Amino acid sequence: MSHFLAKASLAALLALSSVPFAGSVAFAAPQTDFVVKAQYHRPPVRGCSPMQAIRKARYSGLRDVRISNITPRRVVVAGRDRRGWDRMTFANVRGCPLMYR
């Protein structure tokens, strides 16, 4: 019970201490009739590129890595490790997370 009271009192103290600052920050902004937003061109978020999948497979220990299959959901690469042929499947989303090996 004492932990609850301590956390509740800390939350109330933080809430009360932030109230006076909210008004002064709002009035500090210059008053304008319009807002200019910067337009930045961002490239579209791509999925897993084949080169990124090969790079990750090589880092994981596969040699002679080649793309085996690419679908909208996954990228499959095949290669050799110390036991023989193996393949790794990556999700076809940003960052190429490993689905299974």
N, C-alpha and C. Protein backbone atom coordinates (compact mmCIF):
# COMPACT_ATOMS: atom_id res chain seq x y z
N MET A 1 0.82 -1.19 0.00
CA MET A 1 0.00 0.00 0.00
C MET A 1 0.87 1.25 0.00
N SER A 2 2.00 1.18 0.69
CA SER A 2 2.85 2.36 0.75
C SER A 2 3.47 2.67 -0.61
N HIS A 3 3.73 1.62 -1.43
CA HIS A 3 4.26 1.87 -2.77
C HIS A 3 3.24 2.60 -3.63
N PHE A 4 1.97 2.20 -3.48
CA PHE A 4 0.91 2.84 -4.24
C PHE A 4 0.78 4.31 -3.85
N LEU A 5 0.82 4.60 -2.57
CA LEU A 5 0.72 5.99 -2.13
C LEU A 5 1.92 6.81 -2.60
N ALA A 6 3.09 6.22 -2.58
CA ALA A 6 4.27 6.94 -3.02
C ALA A 6 4.19 7.26 -4.51
N LYS A 7 3.75 6.29 -5.31
CA LYS A 7 3.64 6.51 -6.74
C LYS A 7 2.53 7.51 -7.07
N ALA A 8 1.43 7.41 -6.36
CA ALA A 8 0.32 8.33 -6.59
C ALA A 8 0.71 9.76 -6.22
N SER A 9 1.41 9.93 -5.11
CA SER A 9 1.82 11.27 -4.71
C SER A 9 2.86 11.84 -5.68
N LEU A 10 3.75 11.00 -6.19
CA LEU A 10 4.73 11.46 -7.17
C LEU A 10 4.04 11.87 -8.46
N ALA A 11 3.04 11.12 -8.89
CA ALA A 11 2.31 11.46 -10.10
C ALA A 11 1.54 12.77 -9.92
N ALA A 12 0.94 12.97 -8.75
CA ALA A 12 0.22 14.21 -8.49
C ALA A 12 1.18 15.39 -8.44
N LEU A 13 2.34 15.21 -7.85
CA LEU A 13 3.33 16.28 -7.78
C LEU A 13 3.82 16.67 -9.17
N LEU A 14 4.08 15.68 -10.02
CA LEU A 14 4.50 15.97 -11.39
C LEU A 14 3.40 16.67 -12.19
N ALA A 15 2.16 16.25 -12.00
CA ALA A 15 1.06 16.86 -12.72
C ALA A 15 0.87 18.32 -12.29
N LEU A 16 0.96 18.58 -10.99
CA LEU A 16 0.79 19.95 -10.51
C LEU A 16 1.97 20.85 -10.88
N SER A 17 3.16 20.29 -10.94
CA SER A 17 4.32 21.12 -11.27
C SER A 17 4.37 21.47 -12.75
N SER A 18 3.72 20.70 -13.61
CA SER A 18 3.76 20.98 -15.04
C SER A 18 2.66 21.94 -15.47
N VAL A 19 1.67 22.19 -14.67
CA VAL A 19 0.56 23.06 -15.05
C VAL A 19 1.01 24.50 -15.28
N PRO A 20 1.80 25.14 -14.41
CA PRO A 20 2.17 26.54 -14.66
C PRO A 20 3.02 26.72 -15.92
N PHE A 21 3.77 25.71 -16.32
CA PHE A 21 4.63 25.84 -17.50
C PHE A 21 3.82 25.75 -18.79
N ALA A 22 2.68 25.10 -18.77
CA ALA A 22 1.91 24.90 -19.99
C ALA A 22 1.41 26.23 -20.54
N GLY A 23 0.98 27.14 -19.70
CA GLY A 23 0.47 28.42 -20.16
C GLY A 23 1.57 29.30 -20.73
N SER A 24 2.74 29.32 -20.13
CA SER A 24 3.80 30.20 -20.60
C SER A 24 4.39 29.72 -21.92
N VAL A 25 4.40 28.42 -22.15
CA VAL A 25 4.94 27.90 -23.40
C VAL A 25 3.99 28.21 -24.55
N ALA A 26 2.70 28.15 -24.32
CA ALA A 26 1.73 28.39 -25.37
C ALA A 26 1.79 29.85 -25.85
N PHE A 27 2.04 30.78 -24.96
CA PHE A 27 2.09 32.18 -25.34
C PHE A 27 3.45 32.60 -25.88
N ALA A 28 4.44 31.74 -25.78
CA ALA A 28 5.77 32.09 -26.26
C ALA A 28 5.87 31.98 -27.77
N ALA A 29 4.96 31.27 -28.41
CA ALA A 29 5.01 31.11 -29.86
C ALA A 29 4.58 32.40 -30.54
N PRO A 30 5.22 32.77 -31.64
CA PRO A 30 4.82 33.99 -32.34
C PRO A 30 3.44 33.81 -32.96
N GLN A 31 2.65 34.85 -32.94
CA GLN A 31 1.30 34.81 -33.47
C GLN A 31 1.36 35.12 -34.97
N THR A 32 0.98 34.16 -35.79
CA THR A 32 0.93 34.35 -37.24
C THR A 32 -0.44 33.92 -37.74
N ASP A 33 -0.77 34.41 -38.93
CA ASP A 33 -2.07 34.07 -39.51
C ASP A 33 -2.04 32.74 -40.25
N PHE A 34 -0.87 32.30 -40.64
CA PHE A 34 -0.78 31.05 -41.38
C PHE A 34 0.41 30.25 -40.86
N VAL A 35 0.38 28.98 -41.12
CA VAL A 35 1.45 28.09 -40.69
C VAL A 35 2.13 27.53 -41.93
N VAL A 36 3.44 27.67 -42.00
CA VAL A 36 4.19 27.15 -43.13
C VAL A 36 4.77 25.81 -42.71
N LYS A 37 4.40 24.78 -43.43
CA LYS A 37 4.92 23.44 -43.15
C LYS A 37 5.99 23.12 -44.18
N ALA A 38 7.07 22.59 -43.70
CA ALA A 38 8.14 22.19 -44.61
C ALA A 38 7.75 20.88 -45.29
N GLN A 39 7.90 20.84 -46.58
CA GLN A 39 7.59 19.64 -47.34
C GLN A 39 8.89 18.88 -47.60
N TYR A 40 9.02 17.74 -47.00
CA TYR A 40 10.20 16.92 -47.19
C TYR A 40 9.84 15.71 -48.04
N HIS A 41 10.70 15.42 -49.00
CA HIS A 41 10.49 14.24 -49.82
C HIS A 41 11.13 13.05 -49.14
N ARG A 42 10.31 12.11 -48.71
CA ARG A 42 10.82 10.89 -48.10
C ARG A 42 10.60 9.75 -49.07
N PRO A 43 11.61 8.94 -49.29
CA PRO A 43 11.40 7.81 -50.19
C PRO A 43 10.39 6.83 -49.58
N PRO A 44 9.64 6.13 -50.41
CA PRO A 44 8.66 5.18 -49.87
C PRO A 44 9.35 4.06 -49.10
N VAL A 45 8.67 3.58 -48.08
CA VAL A 45 9.22 2.50 -47.27
C VAL A 45 9.19 1.22 -48.09
N ARG A 46 10.37 0.69 -48.35
CA ARG A 46 10.48 -0.50 -49.17
C ARG A 46 10.50 -1.73 -48.28
N GLY A 47 10.34 -2.85 -48.93
CA GLY A 47 10.43 -4.11 -48.22
C GLY A 47 11.89 -4.53 -48.08
N CYS A 48 12.09 -5.79 -47.95
CA CYS A 48 13.43 -6.36 -47.80
C CYS A 48 14.08 -6.47 -49.17
N SER A 49 15.16 -5.76 -49.39
CA SER A 49 15.83 -5.85 -50.67
C SER A 49 16.63 -7.15 -50.73
N PRO A 50 16.82 -7.71 -51.92
CA PRO A 50 17.58 -8.95 -52.03
C PRO A 50 19.02 -8.82 -51.52
N MET A 51 19.63 -7.67 -51.75
CA MET A 51 21.00 -7.48 -51.28
C MET A 51 21.06 -7.46 -49.76
N GLN A 52 20.06 -6.87 -49.11
CA GLN A 52 20.05 -6.85 -47.66
C GLN A 52 19.84 -8.25 -47.11
N ALA A 53 19.00 -9.06 -47.76
CA ALA A 53 18.78 -10.44 -47.32
C ALA A 53 20.07 -11.25 -47.48
N ILE A 54 20.79 -11.08 -48.59
CA ILE A 54 22.05 -11.79 -48.80
C ILE A 54 23.08 -11.37 -47.75
N ARG A 55 23.13 -10.07 -47.47
CA ARG A 55 24.08 -9.56 -46.47
C ARG A 55 23.81 -10.16 -45.09
N LYS A 56 22.53 -10.23 -44.72
CA LYS A 56 22.19 -10.80 -43.41
C LYS A 56 22.48 -12.30 -43.36
N ALA A 57 22.25 -13.01 -44.46
CA ALA A 57 22.52 -14.45 -44.50
C ALA A 57 24.01 -14.71 -44.40
N ARG A 58 24.82 -13.91 -45.08
CA ARG A 58 26.27 -14.07 -44.99
C ARG A 58 26.76 -13.79 -43.58
N TYR A 59 26.18 -12.78 -42.94
CA TYR A 59 26.57 -12.46 -41.57
C TYR A 59 26.20 -13.59 -40.61
N SER A 60 25.13 -14.32 -40.94
CA SER A 60 24.70 -15.43 -40.09
C SER A 60 25.50 -16.70 -40.33
N GLY A 61 26.37 -16.73 -41.33
CA GLY A 61 27.22 -17.88 -41.52
C GLY A 61 27.03 -18.65 -42.80
N LEU A 62 26.13 -18.23 -43.67
CA LEU A 62 25.95 -18.94 -44.94
C LEU A 62 26.99 -18.46 -45.94
N ARG A 63 27.45 -19.40 -46.77
CA ARG A 63 28.39 -19.07 -47.85
C ARG A 63 27.72 -19.36 -49.18
N ASP A 64 28.22 -18.76 -50.25
CA ASP A 64 27.67 -18.93 -51.60
C ASP A 64 26.16 -18.68 -51.61
N VAL A 65 25.77 -17.57 -51.05
CA VAL A 65 24.35 -17.27 -50.87
C VAL A 65 23.74 -16.78 -52.18
N ARG A 66 22.56 -17.32 -52.48
CA ARG A 66 21.82 -16.91 -53.67
C ARG A 66 20.34 -16.74 -53.29
N ILE A 67 19.67 -15.88 -54.04
CA ILE A 67 18.24 -15.70 -53.83
C ILE A 67 17.52 -16.91 -54.41
N SER A 68 16.69 -17.53 -53.61
CA SER A 68 15.96 -18.71 -54.05
C SER A 68 14.55 -18.37 -54.50
N ASN A 69 13.88 -17.48 -53.76
CA ASN A 69 12.49 -17.14 -54.07
C ASN A 69 12.17 -15.80 -53.45
N ILE A 70 11.40 -14.99 -54.18
CA ILE A 70 10.91 -13.72 -53.64
C ILE A 70 9.41 -13.66 -53.87
N THR A 71 8.65 -13.46 -52.79
CA THR A 71 7.21 -13.29 -52.86
C THR A 71 6.87 -11.97 -52.17
N PRO A 72 5.63 -11.53 -52.24
CA PRO A 72 5.28 -10.30 -51.54
C PRO A 72 5.44 -10.39 -50.03
N ARG A 73 5.47 -11.59 -49.47
CA ARG A 73 5.58 -11.75 -48.02
C ARG A 73 6.95 -12.17 -47.53
N ARG A 74 7.76 -12.80 -48.38
CA ARG A 74 9.03 -13.34 -47.89
C ARG A 74 10.10 -13.33 -48.98
N VAL A 75 11.34 -13.40 -48.50
CA VAL A 75 12.50 -13.51 -49.37
C VAL A 75 13.29 -14.71 -48.88
N VAL A 76 13.48 -15.70 -49.75
CA VAL A 76 14.17 -16.94 -49.37
C VAL A 76 15.55 -16.93 -50.02
N VAL A 77 16.58 -17.15 -49.20
CA VAL A 77 17.94 -17.25 -49.72
C VAL A 77 18.48 -18.62 -49.36
N ALA A 78 19.30 -19.16 -50.24
CA ALA A 78 19.89 -20.47 -50.02
C ALA A 78 21.40 -20.36 -50.10
N GLY A 79 22.07 -21.18 -49.32
CA GLY A 79 23.53 -21.18 -49.32
C GLY A 79 24.05 -22.38 -48.55
N ARG A 80 25.34 -22.41 -48.34
CA ARG A 80 25.97 -23.52 -47.63
C ARG A 80 26.49 -23.04 -46.29
N ASP A 81 26.36 -23.90 -45.31
CA ASP A 81 27.04 -23.67 -44.04
C ASP A 81 27.94 -24.86 -43.78
N ARG A 82 28.43 -25.02 -42.58
CA ARG A 82 29.41 -26.08 -42.35
C ARG A 82 28.82 -27.49 -42.40
N ARG A 83 27.49 -27.61 -42.34
CA ARG A 83 26.86 -28.93 -42.40
C ARG A 83 26.31 -29.27 -43.77
N GLY A 84 26.24 -28.32 -44.67
CA GLY A 84 25.68 -28.59 -45.99
C GLY A 84 24.79 -27.44 -46.42
N TRP A 85 23.84 -27.77 -47.32
CA TRP A 85 22.95 -26.75 -47.83
C TRP A 85 21.94 -26.34 -46.77
N ASP A 86 21.66 -25.06 -46.76
CA ASP A 86 20.70 -24.52 -45.81
C ASP A 86 20.01 -23.33 -46.46
N ARG A 87 18.85 -22.98 -45.98
CA ARG A 87 18.19 -21.78 -46.48
C ARG A 87 17.60 -20.99 -45.34
N MET A 88 17.49 -19.70 -45.56
CA MET A 88 16.94 -18.78 -44.57
C MET A 88 15.80 -18.02 -45.22
N THR A 89 14.75 -17.78 -44.45
CA THR A 89 13.59 -17.06 -44.95
C THR A 89 13.44 -15.77 -44.16
N PHE A 90 13.41 -14.66 -44.89
CA PHE A 90 13.25 -13.34 -44.29
C PHE A 90 11.88 -12.79 -44.66
N ALA A 91 11.28 -12.03 -43.76
CA ALA A 91 10.02 -11.35 -44.06
C ALA A 91 10.31 -10.20 -45.02
N ASN A 92 9.43 -10.00 -45.96
CA ASN A 92 9.62 -8.96 -46.97
C ASN A 92 9.06 -7.63 -46.46
N VAL A 93 9.60 -7.18 -45.34
CA VAL A 93 9.25 -5.89 -44.76
C VAL A 93 10.54 -5.15 -44.45
N ARG A 94 10.41 -3.92 -44.02
CA ARG A 94 11.57 -3.10 -43.73
C ARG A 94 12.42 -3.74 -42.63
N GLY A 95 13.70 -3.86 -42.87
CA GLY A 95 14.62 -4.43 -41.89
C GLY A 95 14.93 -5.90 -42.09
N CYS A 96 14.19 -6.59 -42.93
CA CYS A 96 14.40 -8.02 -43.21
C CYS A 96 14.50 -8.88 -41.95
N PRO A 97 13.46 -8.95 -41.13
CA PRO A 97 13.55 -9.84 -39.98
C PRO A 97 13.52 -11.30 -40.40
N LEU A 98 14.28 -12.12 -39.68
CA LEU A 98 14.37 -13.55 -39.98
C LEU A 98 13.09 -14.24 -39.55
N MET A 99 12.46 -14.98 -40.48
CA MET A 99 11.26 -15.72 -40.15
C MET A 99 11.63 -17.11 -39.62
N TYR A 100 12.40 -17.85 -40.38
CA TYR A 100 12.89 -19.14 -39.92
C TYR A 100 14.07 -19.56 -40.76
N ARG A 101 14.81 -20.49 -40.21
CA ARG A 101 16.02 -20.97 -40.87
C ARG A 101 15.91 -22.46 -41.06
